[in-house]
N, C-alpha and C. Protein backbone atom coordinates (compact mmCIF):
# COMPACT_ATOMS: atom_id res chain seq x y z
N MET A 1 83.46 112.77 64.51
CA MET A 1 83.46 111.33 64.35
C MET A 1 82.05 110.88 63.98
N LYS A 2 81.99 109.98 63.02
CA LYS A 2 80.70 109.48 62.54
C LYS A 2 80.08 108.54 63.57
N ARG A 3 78.76 108.45 63.51
CA ARG A 3 78.02 107.60 64.44
C ARG A 3 78.49 106.14 64.34
N GLU A 4 78.77 105.66 63.12
CA GLU A 4 79.21 104.28 62.92
C GLU A 4 80.57 104.05 63.59
N ASP A 5 81.45 105.04 63.48
CA ASP A 5 82.77 104.93 64.11
C ASP A 5 82.65 104.88 65.63
N LYS A 6 81.76 105.69 66.15
CA LYS A 6 81.53 105.70 67.60
C LYS A 6 81.01 104.35 68.06
N GLN A 7 80.08 103.79 67.28
CA GLN A 7 79.51 102.50 67.65
C GLN A 7 80.56 101.39 67.61
N VAL A 8 81.45 101.45 66.63
CA VAL A 8 82.53 100.46 66.54
C VAL A 8 83.44 100.59 67.76
N LEU A 9 83.76 101.81 68.15
CA LEU A 9 84.61 102.05 69.32
C LEU A 9 83.95 101.52 70.59
N ILE A 10 82.66 101.76 70.74
CA ILE A 10 81.94 101.26 71.92
C ILE A 10 81.92 99.74 71.93
N GLU A 11 81.74 99.10 70.78
CA GLU A 11 81.76 97.64 70.70
C GLU A 11 83.14 97.08 71.07
N GLU A 12 84.19 97.75 70.63
CA GLU A 12 85.55 97.32 70.98
C GLU A 12 85.78 97.43 72.49
N LEU A 13 85.32 98.53 73.08
CA LEU A 13 85.44 98.68 74.54
C LEU A 13 84.63 97.61 75.27
N LYS A 14 83.45 97.32 74.77
CA LYS A 14 82.59 96.29 75.39
C LYS A 14 83.27 94.93 75.34
N SER A 15 83.87 94.59 74.21
CA SER A 15 84.55 93.29 74.10
C SER A 15 85.78 93.24 75.01
N THR A 16 86.45 94.37 75.19
CA THR A 16 87.60 94.41 76.10
C THR A 16 87.14 94.22 77.54
N VAL A 17 86.05 94.86 77.91
CA VAL A 17 85.49 94.70 79.27
C VAL A 17 85.12 93.25 79.51
N GLN A 18 84.55 92.60 78.52
CA GLN A 18 84.14 91.20 78.67
C GLN A 18 85.34 90.25 78.63
N GLU A 19 86.41 90.65 77.96
CA GLU A 19 87.60 89.80 77.84
C GLU A 19 88.35 89.70 79.17
N TYR A 20 88.46 90.80 79.88
CA TYR A 20 89.21 90.83 81.13
C TYR A 20 88.25 90.72 82.32
N SER A 21 88.72 90.03 83.36
CA SER A 21 87.86 89.82 84.52
C SER A 21 87.93 90.95 85.54
N HIS A 22 88.92 91.83 85.43
CA HIS A 22 89.08 92.93 86.38
C HIS A 22 89.51 94.19 85.64
N PHE A 23 89.07 95.34 86.14
CA PHE A 23 89.58 96.60 85.61
C PHE A 23 89.55 97.69 86.68
N TYR A 24 90.49 98.60 86.56
CA TYR A 24 90.64 99.73 87.48
C TYR A 24 90.45 101.01 86.69
N LEU A 25 89.82 101.99 87.31
CA LEU A 25 89.68 103.32 86.72
C LEU A 25 90.60 104.26 87.47
N ALA A 26 91.40 104.99 86.73
CA ALA A 26 92.37 105.90 87.35
C ALA A 26 92.47 107.18 86.55
N ASP A 27 92.96 108.21 87.20
CA ASP A 27 93.20 109.50 86.55
C ASP A 27 94.70 109.67 86.40
N VAL A 28 95.18 109.70 85.17
CA VAL A 28 96.62 109.85 84.91
C VAL A 28 96.94 111.22 84.32
N SER A 29 95.99 112.15 84.38
CA SER A 29 96.26 113.47 83.83
C SER A 29 97.34 114.16 84.66
N GLY A 30 98.13 114.94 84.00
CA GLY A 30 99.19 115.66 84.70
C GLY A 30 100.53 114.95 84.69
N LEU A 31 100.57 113.72 84.18
CA LEU A 31 101.85 113.02 84.07
C LEU A 31 102.62 113.58 82.88
N ASN A 32 103.91 113.77 83.05
CA ASN A 32 104.71 114.22 81.92
C ASN A 32 105.04 113.02 81.03
N ALA A 33 105.74 113.25 79.95
CA ALA A 33 106.02 112.19 78.97
C ALA A 33 106.81 111.05 79.59
N GLN A 34 107.81 111.37 80.41
CA GLN A 34 108.64 110.33 81.04
C GLN A 34 107.81 109.48 82.00
N GLN A 35 106.98 110.12 82.81
CA GLN A 35 106.15 109.39 83.76
C GLN A 35 105.12 108.51 83.04
N THR A 36 104.56 109.03 81.95
CA THR A 36 103.61 108.25 81.17
C THR A 36 104.30 107.04 80.54
N PHE A 37 105.51 107.24 80.05
CA PHE A 37 106.27 106.13 79.47
C PHE A 37 106.54 105.07 80.53
N GLU A 38 106.95 105.49 81.73
CA GLU A 38 107.22 104.54 82.82
C GLU A 38 105.96 103.78 83.22
N LEU A 39 104.82 104.49 83.28
CA LEU A 39 103.56 103.84 83.62
C LEU A 39 103.20 102.79 82.58
N ARG A 40 103.27 103.15 81.32
CA ARG A 40 102.94 102.19 80.26
C ARG A 40 103.90 101.00 80.25
N LYS A 41 105.18 101.27 80.51
CA LYS A 41 106.19 100.20 80.55
C LYS A 41 105.88 99.22 81.69
N LYS A 42 105.57 99.76 82.87
CA LYS A 42 105.27 98.88 84.01
C LYS A 42 103.97 98.12 83.79
N CYS A 43 103.01 98.76 83.16
CA CYS A 43 101.76 98.05 82.84
C CYS A 43 102.02 96.90 81.88
N PHE A 44 102.86 97.13 80.89
CA PHE A 44 103.20 96.08 79.93
C PHE A 44 103.90 94.92 80.63
N GLU A 45 104.85 95.24 81.54
CA GLU A 45 105.59 94.21 82.26
C GLU A 45 104.68 93.36 83.14
N LYS A 46 103.63 93.97 83.67
CA LYS A 46 102.73 93.28 84.59
C LYS A 46 101.48 92.75 83.90
N ASP A 47 101.48 92.75 82.58
CA ASP A 47 100.38 92.22 81.78
C ASP A 47 99.07 92.96 82.05
N ILE A 48 99.17 94.29 82.09
CA ILE A 48 98.01 95.17 82.27
C ILE A 48 97.83 95.95 80.98
N GLU A 49 96.60 95.97 80.48
CA GLU A 49 96.31 96.79 79.29
C GLU A 49 95.78 98.14 79.76
N LEU A 50 96.51 99.19 79.45
CA LEU A 50 96.15 100.55 79.85
C LEU A 50 95.61 101.30 78.65
N ILE A 51 94.39 101.82 78.78
CA ILE A 51 93.83 102.63 77.71
C ILE A 51 93.18 103.88 78.33
N VAL A 52 93.26 104.96 77.60
CA VAL A 52 92.58 106.19 77.99
C VAL A 52 91.28 106.22 77.21
N VAL A 53 90.18 106.47 77.93
CA VAL A 53 88.87 106.39 77.30
C VAL A 53 88.11 107.70 77.47
N LYS A 54 87.18 107.90 76.57
CA LYS A 54 86.23 108.98 76.74
C LYS A 54 85.11 108.44 77.62
N ASN A 55 84.77 109.18 78.66
CA ASN A 55 83.85 108.69 79.68
C ASN A 55 82.50 108.23 79.12
N THR A 56 81.94 108.98 78.18
CA THR A 56 80.63 108.60 77.65
C THR A 56 80.70 107.30 76.86
N TYR A 57 81.78 107.10 76.12
CA TYR A 57 81.93 105.85 75.36
C TYR A 57 82.10 104.66 76.31
N PHE A 58 82.89 104.86 77.35
CA PHE A 58 83.12 103.77 78.29
C PHE A 58 81.82 103.45 79.06
N LYS A 59 81.06 104.47 79.40
CA LYS A 59 79.79 104.25 80.09
C LYS A 59 78.85 103.45 79.20
N ARG A 60 78.79 103.79 77.93
CA ARG A 60 77.93 103.06 77.00
C ARG A 60 78.40 101.61 76.83
N ALA A 61 79.71 101.41 76.81
CA ALA A 61 80.25 100.05 76.70
C ALA A 61 79.90 99.23 77.93
N LEU A 62 79.97 99.85 79.11
CA LEU A 62 79.61 99.15 80.34
C LEU A 62 78.12 98.80 80.35
N GLU A 63 77.30 99.72 79.89
CA GLU A 63 75.86 99.46 79.82
C GLU A 63 75.56 98.32 78.85
N ALA A 64 76.28 98.27 77.75
CA ALA A 64 76.05 97.25 76.72
C ALA A 64 76.61 95.89 77.11
N SER A 65 77.49 95.84 78.10
CA SER A 65 78.14 94.57 78.45
C SER A 65 77.22 93.60 79.16
N GLY A 66 76.10 94.09 79.70
CA GLY A 66 75.14 93.17 80.31
C GLY A 66 75.26 93.05 81.81
N LYS A 67 76.30 93.58 82.43
CA LYS A 67 76.44 93.54 83.89
C LYS A 67 76.03 94.89 84.47
N ASP A 68 75.82 94.90 85.78
CA ASP A 68 75.40 96.13 86.45
C ASP A 68 76.62 96.87 86.98
N TYR A 69 77.04 97.90 86.27
CA TYR A 69 78.17 98.73 86.66
C TYR A 69 77.70 100.11 87.12
N GLN A 70 76.47 100.23 87.55
CA GLN A 70 75.85 101.51 87.88
C GLN A 70 76.69 102.33 88.86
N GLU A 71 77.30 101.68 89.85
CA GLU A 71 78.09 102.39 90.87
C GLU A 71 79.31 103.09 90.28
N LEU A 72 79.82 102.60 89.17
CA LEU A 72 81.02 103.18 88.56
C LEU A 72 80.71 104.45 87.77
N PHE A 73 79.48 104.66 87.39
CA PHE A 73 79.15 105.80 86.55
C PHE A 73 79.45 107.14 87.22
N GLY A 74 79.39 107.18 88.55
CA GLY A 74 79.65 108.42 89.28
C GLY A 74 81.09 108.90 89.18
N VAL A 75 82.04 107.99 88.95
CA VAL A 75 83.45 108.37 88.87
C VAL A 75 83.92 108.58 87.43
N LEU A 76 83.04 108.37 86.49
CA LEU A 76 83.40 108.58 85.09
C LEU A 76 83.28 110.07 84.76
N ASN A 77 84.25 110.82 85.25
CA ASN A 77 84.32 112.24 84.96
C ASN A 77 85.78 112.64 84.83
N ASN A 78 86.03 113.82 84.33
CA ASN A 78 87.39 114.31 84.08
C ASN A 78 88.15 113.32 83.21
N ASN A 79 89.41 113.12 83.52
CA ASN A 79 90.28 112.23 82.75
C ASN A 79 90.16 110.81 83.31
N THR A 80 89.93 109.84 82.46
CA THR A 80 89.81 108.46 82.94
C THR A 80 90.66 107.54 82.09
N SER A 81 91.46 106.75 82.78
CA SER A 81 92.22 105.68 82.14
C SER A 81 91.75 104.37 82.74
N VAL A 82 91.72 103.34 81.93
CA VAL A 82 91.27 102.03 82.40
C VAL A 82 92.43 101.06 82.33
N MET A 83 92.63 100.35 83.43
CA MET A 83 93.69 99.33 83.52
C MET A 83 93.00 97.97 83.56
N PHE A 84 93.08 97.22 82.47
CA PHE A 84 92.47 95.90 82.38
C PHE A 84 93.50 94.83 82.72
N CYS A 85 93.07 93.83 83.49
CA CYS A 85 93.96 92.69 83.76
C CYS A 85 93.14 91.49 84.21
N ASN A 86 93.80 90.35 84.33
CA ASN A 86 93.12 89.13 84.76
C ASN A 86 93.50 88.71 86.18
N VAL A 87 94.36 89.49 86.84
CA VAL A 87 94.70 89.24 88.24
C VAL A 87 94.28 90.49 89.02
N ALA A 88 93.41 90.31 89.99
CA ALA A 88 92.73 91.44 90.63
C ALA A 88 93.65 92.41 91.35
N ASN A 89 94.72 91.93 91.97
CA ASN A 89 95.51 92.83 92.82
C ASN A 89 96.68 93.51 92.11
N VAL A 90 97.02 93.11 90.92
CA VAL A 90 98.20 93.65 90.24
C VAL A 90 98.09 95.16 89.96
N PRO A 91 97.00 95.67 89.39
CA PRO A 91 96.93 97.12 89.20
C PRO A 91 96.94 97.89 90.52
N GLY A 92 96.31 97.34 91.54
CA GLY A 92 96.30 98.01 92.85
C GLY A 92 97.71 98.15 93.40
N LYS A 93 98.50 97.09 93.30
CA LYS A 93 99.89 97.14 93.76
C LYS A 93 100.69 98.14 92.94
N LEU A 94 100.45 98.17 91.63
CA LEU A 94 101.18 99.09 90.76
C LEU A 94 100.84 100.54 91.09
N ILE A 95 99.57 100.83 91.30
CA ILE A 95 99.17 102.20 91.65
C ILE A 95 99.77 102.61 92.98
N LYS A 96 99.76 101.70 93.96
CA LYS A 96 100.38 102.02 95.27
C LYS A 96 101.86 102.29 95.12
N GLU A 97 102.53 101.47 94.32
CA GLU A 97 103.97 101.65 94.09
C GLU A 97 104.25 103.00 93.45
N LEU A 98 103.46 103.38 92.45
CA LEU A 98 103.68 104.65 91.77
C LEU A 98 103.29 105.84 92.64
N ASN A 99 102.33 105.65 93.55
CA ASN A 99 101.91 106.74 94.44
C ASN A 99 102.94 107.05 95.51
N ARG A 100 103.92 106.19 95.70
CA ARG A 100 105.01 106.50 96.65
C ARG A 100 105.87 107.64 96.12
N LYS A 101 105.96 107.72 94.79
CA LYS A 101 106.79 108.76 94.16
C LYS A 101 106.00 110.03 93.87
N SER A 102 104.74 109.89 93.46
CA SER A 102 103.91 111.05 93.15
C SER A 102 102.45 110.71 93.44
N ASP A 103 101.58 111.68 93.29
CA ASP A 103 100.17 111.44 93.57
C ASP A 103 99.40 110.89 92.37
N LYS A 104 100.08 110.65 91.27
CA LYS A 104 99.45 110.10 90.08
C LYS A 104 100.01 108.72 89.80
N PRO A 105 99.28 107.79 89.30
CA PRO A 105 97.88 107.83 88.92
C PRO A 105 96.97 107.87 90.16
N LEU A 106 95.88 108.58 90.04
CA LEU A 106 94.92 108.73 91.11
C LEU A 106 93.84 107.67 90.94
N PHE A 107 93.73 106.79 91.92
CA PHE A 107 92.75 105.70 91.86
C PHE A 107 91.34 106.26 92.01
N LYS A 108 90.45 105.84 91.12
CA LYS A 108 89.05 106.26 91.19
C LYS A 108 88.15 105.12 91.67
N ALA A 109 88.22 103.99 90.96
CA ALA A 109 87.34 102.87 91.27
C ALA A 109 87.88 101.61 90.59
N ALA A 110 87.28 100.48 90.94
CA ALA A 110 87.71 99.22 90.33
C ALA A 110 86.56 98.22 90.32
N PHE A 111 86.64 97.33 89.36
CA PHE A 111 85.77 96.15 89.32
C PHE A 111 86.70 94.96 89.45
N ALA A 112 86.69 94.33 90.63
CA ALA A 112 87.60 93.22 90.90
C ALA A 112 86.88 92.16 91.71
N GLU A 113 87.12 90.91 91.37
CA GLU A 113 86.52 89.77 92.06
C GLU A 113 85.00 89.90 92.15
N GLU A 114 84.39 90.30 91.03
CA GLU A 114 82.94 90.44 90.91
C GLU A 114 82.34 91.49 91.86
N SER A 115 83.17 92.40 92.37
CA SER A 115 82.70 93.47 93.24
C SER A 115 83.18 94.81 92.72
N ILE A 116 82.48 95.86 93.11
CA ILE A 116 82.85 97.21 92.71
C ILE A 116 83.40 97.94 93.92
N TYR A 117 84.55 98.57 93.73
CA TYR A 117 85.22 99.33 94.78
C TYR A 117 85.34 100.77 94.30
N VAL A 118 84.75 101.70 95.05
CA VAL A 118 84.78 103.11 94.67
C VAL A 118 85.42 103.90 95.80
N GLY A 119 86.46 104.65 95.47
CA GLY A 119 87.10 105.51 96.46
C GLY A 119 88.55 105.13 96.68
N GLU A 120 89.35 106.16 96.88
CA GLU A 120 90.79 105.96 97.04
C GLU A 120 91.13 105.20 98.32
N HIS A 121 90.26 105.27 99.33
CA HIS A 121 90.52 104.59 100.60
C HIS A 121 90.49 103.06 100.46
N LEU A 122 89.96 102.54 99.37
CA LEU A 122 89.88 101.09 99.16
C LEU A 122 91.06 100.53 98.38
N LEU A 123 92.02 101.38 98.03
CA LEU A 123 93.17 100.92 97.26
C LEU A 123 93.99 99.89 98.04
N ASP A 124 94.16 100.10 99.35
CA ASP A 124 94.91 99.14 100.17
C ASP A 124 94.22 97.78 100.19
N VAL A 125 92.91 97.78 100.26
CA VAL A 125 92.14 96.53 100.25
C VAL A 125 92.36 95.80 98.94
N LEU A 126 92.29 96.53 97.84
CA LEU A 126 92.47 95.92 96.52
C LEU A 126 93.88 95.38 96.34
N ALA A 127 94.88 96.12 96.80
CA ALA A 127 96.26 95.68 96.65
C ALA A 127 96.54 94.42 97.48
N SER A 128 95.79 94.24 98.57
CA SER A 128 96.04 93.08 99.42
C SER A 128 95.19 91.87 99.05
N LEU A 129 94.30 92.01 98.07
CA LEU A 129 93.53 90.85 97.61
C LEU A 129 94.48 89.77 97.10
N LYS A 130 94.16 88.55 97.38
CA LYS A 130 95.00 87.46 96.89
C LYS A 130 94.43 86.93 95.58
N SER A 131 95.33 86.60 94.68
CA SER A 131 94.89 86.03 93.41
C SER A 131 94.49 84.57 93.61
N LYS A 132 93.88 84.01 92.61
CA LYS A 132 93.43 82.62 92.67
C LYS A 132 94.62 81.69 92.93
N GLU A 133 95.73 81.94 92.25
CA GLU A 133 96.92 81.11 92.41
C GLU A 133 97.49 81.21 93.83
N GLU A 134 97.48 82.42 94.40
CA GLU A 134 97.98 82.60 95.77
C GLU A 134 97.08 81.87 96.77
N LEU A 135 95.77 81.92 96.57
CA LEU A 135 94.85 81.22 97.46
C LEU A 135 95.03 79.71 97.37
N ILE A 136 95.21 79.19 96.18
CA ILE A 136 95.44 77.75 96.02
C ILE A 136 96.74 77.35 96.70
N GLY A 137 97.77 78.17 96.56
CA GLY A 137 99.04 77.90 97.23
C GLY A 137 98.89 77.89 98.75
N ASP A 138 98.12 78.83 99.29
CA ASP A 138 97.88 78.86 100.74
C ASP A 138 97.14 77.61 101.20
N ILE A 139 96.15 77.18 100.44
CA ILE A 139 95.40 75.98 100.81
C ILE A 139 96.29 74.75 100.77
N ILE A 140 97.12 74.64 99.75
CA ILE A 140 98.03 73.49 99.66
C ILE A 140 99.01 73.50 100.83
N SER A 141 99.51 74.67 101.19
CA SER A 141 100.43 74.77 102.34
C SER A 141 99.74 74.34 103.62
N LEU A 142 98.49 74.76 103.80
CA LEU A 142 97.74 74.38 105.00
C LEU A 142 97.49 72.88 105.04
N LEU A 143 97.22 72.29 103.88
CA LEU A 143 96.99 70.85 103.83
C LEU A 143 98.28 70.05 104.06
N GLN A 144 99.40 70.59 103.61
CA GLN A 144 100.67 69.89 103.77
C GLN A 144 101.25 70.01 105.17
N SER A 145 100.89 71.04 105.89
CA SER A 145 101.49 71.31 107.19
C SER A 145 101.34 70.15 108.18
N PRO A 146 100.13 69.60 108.41
CA PRO A 146 100.02 68.48 109.35
C PRO A 146 100.81 67.25 108.89
N MET A 147 100.82 67.00 107.58
CA MET A 147 101.54 65.86 107.06
C MET A 147 103.05 66.01 107.30
N LYS A 148 103.56 67.22 107.10
CA LYS A 148 104.98 67.47 107.34
C LYS A 148 105.32 67.30 108.81
N THR A 149 104.42 67.71 109.68
CA THR A 149 104.65 67.57 111.12
C THR A 149 104.73 66.09 111.50
N VAL A 150 103.80 65.29 111.01
CA VAL A 150 103.79 63.85 111.31
C VAL A 150 105.05 63.18 110.78
N LEU A 151 105.43 63.51 109.54
CA LEU A 151 106.63 62.93 108.95
C LEU A 151 107.88 63.34 109.74
N GLY A 152 107.92 64.58 110.17
CA GLY A 152 109.05 65.04 110.97
C GLY A 152 109.14 64.31 112.30
N GLN A 153 108.01 64.07 112.93
CA GLN A 153 108.00 63.35 114.19
C GLN A 153 108.40 61.89 114.00
N LEU A 154 107.95 61.29 112.91
CA LEU A 154 108.35 59.91 112.63
C LEU A 154 109.85 59.81 112.35
N GLU A 155 110.39 60.79 111.63
CA GLU A 155 111.82 60.81 111.36
C GLU A 155 112.61 60.92 112.66
N SER A 156 112.20 61.81 113.54
CA SER A 156 112.94 61.99 114.79
C SER A 156 112.77 60.76 115.68
N GLY A 157 111.58 60.13 115.62
CA GLY A 157 111.35 58.91 116.40
C GLY A 157 112.20 57.76 115.90
N LYS A 158 112.45 57.68 114.62
CA LYS A 158 113.27 56.62 114.03
C LYS A 158 114.68 56.69 114.62
N ASN A 159 115.23 57.88 114.70
CA ASN A 159 116.57 58.05 115.26
C ASN A 159 116.60 57.67 116.74
N THR A 160 115.55 58.00 117.46
CA THR A 160 115.47 57.67 118.88
C THR A 160 115.40 56.16 119.07
N LEU A 161 114.56 55.49 118.27
CA LEU A 161 114.44 54.04 118.36
C LEU A 161 115.75 53.34 117.99
N ALA A 162 116.41 53.82 116.95
CA ALA A 162 117.67 53.21 116.54
C ALA A 162 118.72 53.40 117.63
N GLY A 163 118.74 54.54 118.24
CA GLY A 163 119.68 54.79 119.34
C GLY A 163 119.40 53.91 120.53
N LEU A 164 118.12 53.71 120.86
CA LEU A 164 117.72 52.86 121.98
C LEU A 164 118.11 51.40 121.72
N VAL A 165 117.85 50.89 120.52
CA VAL A 165 118.22 49.52 120.16
C VAL A 165 119.73 49.34 120.23
N LYS A 166 120.47 50.30 119.74
CA LYS A 166 121.93 50.23 119.77
C LYS A 166 122.45 50.23 121.20
N THR A 167 121.88 51.04 122.06
CA THR A 167 122.30 51.10 123.46
C THR A 167 122.00 49.79 124.15
N LEU A 168 120.82 49.22 123.91
CA LEU A 168 120.46 47.94 124.53
C LEU A 168 121.35 46.81 124.04
N SER A 169 121.73 46.83 122.75
CA SER A 169 122.58 45.77 122.24
C SER A 169 124.00 45.88 122.79
N GLU A 170 124.45 47.08 123.10
CA GLU A 170 125.80 47.27 123.64
C GLU A 170 125.85 46.88 125.11
N ARG A 171 124.79 46.89 125.86
CA ARG A 171 124.75 46.52 127.28
C ARG A 171 125.04 45.03 127.48
N GLU A 172 124.58 44.22 126.59
CA GLU A 172 124.74 42.79 126.77
C GLU A 172 126.12 42.43 126.38
């Protein structure tokens, strides 16, 4: 491959890294054709871009992106696939789901929520991260809860007051 072609490939990887806010590094070597097809299909369904990269090109793209990805360089060995997405926990959940059936894809590391996670033991943490939309939903639920309680008490009080007025009117 010519030097110019390599540089174009590195620039494309750099723009992809900058386009997506989260990415996971995994080892998918050893998957047969059917398993690879299923992985790619599930990634497509969950809006994850899966690409297999050459470690040196990806390292150069990370260096050129302007952020400090130094901690990830240690896991850029053997076979590496990158799962790009804009929701931090989706690839983690997908990897956990697929690991119930087999040991592949093997989680290596991730860049999620502006933090770097290295090691398979952190996959549970990543899968349980809440997305921005889920956090906003939780906050709205927390804000609505006291209001719903007050409205419920007023509703039940209305029935009590109406019953009391009716009872008093029937006594006379």
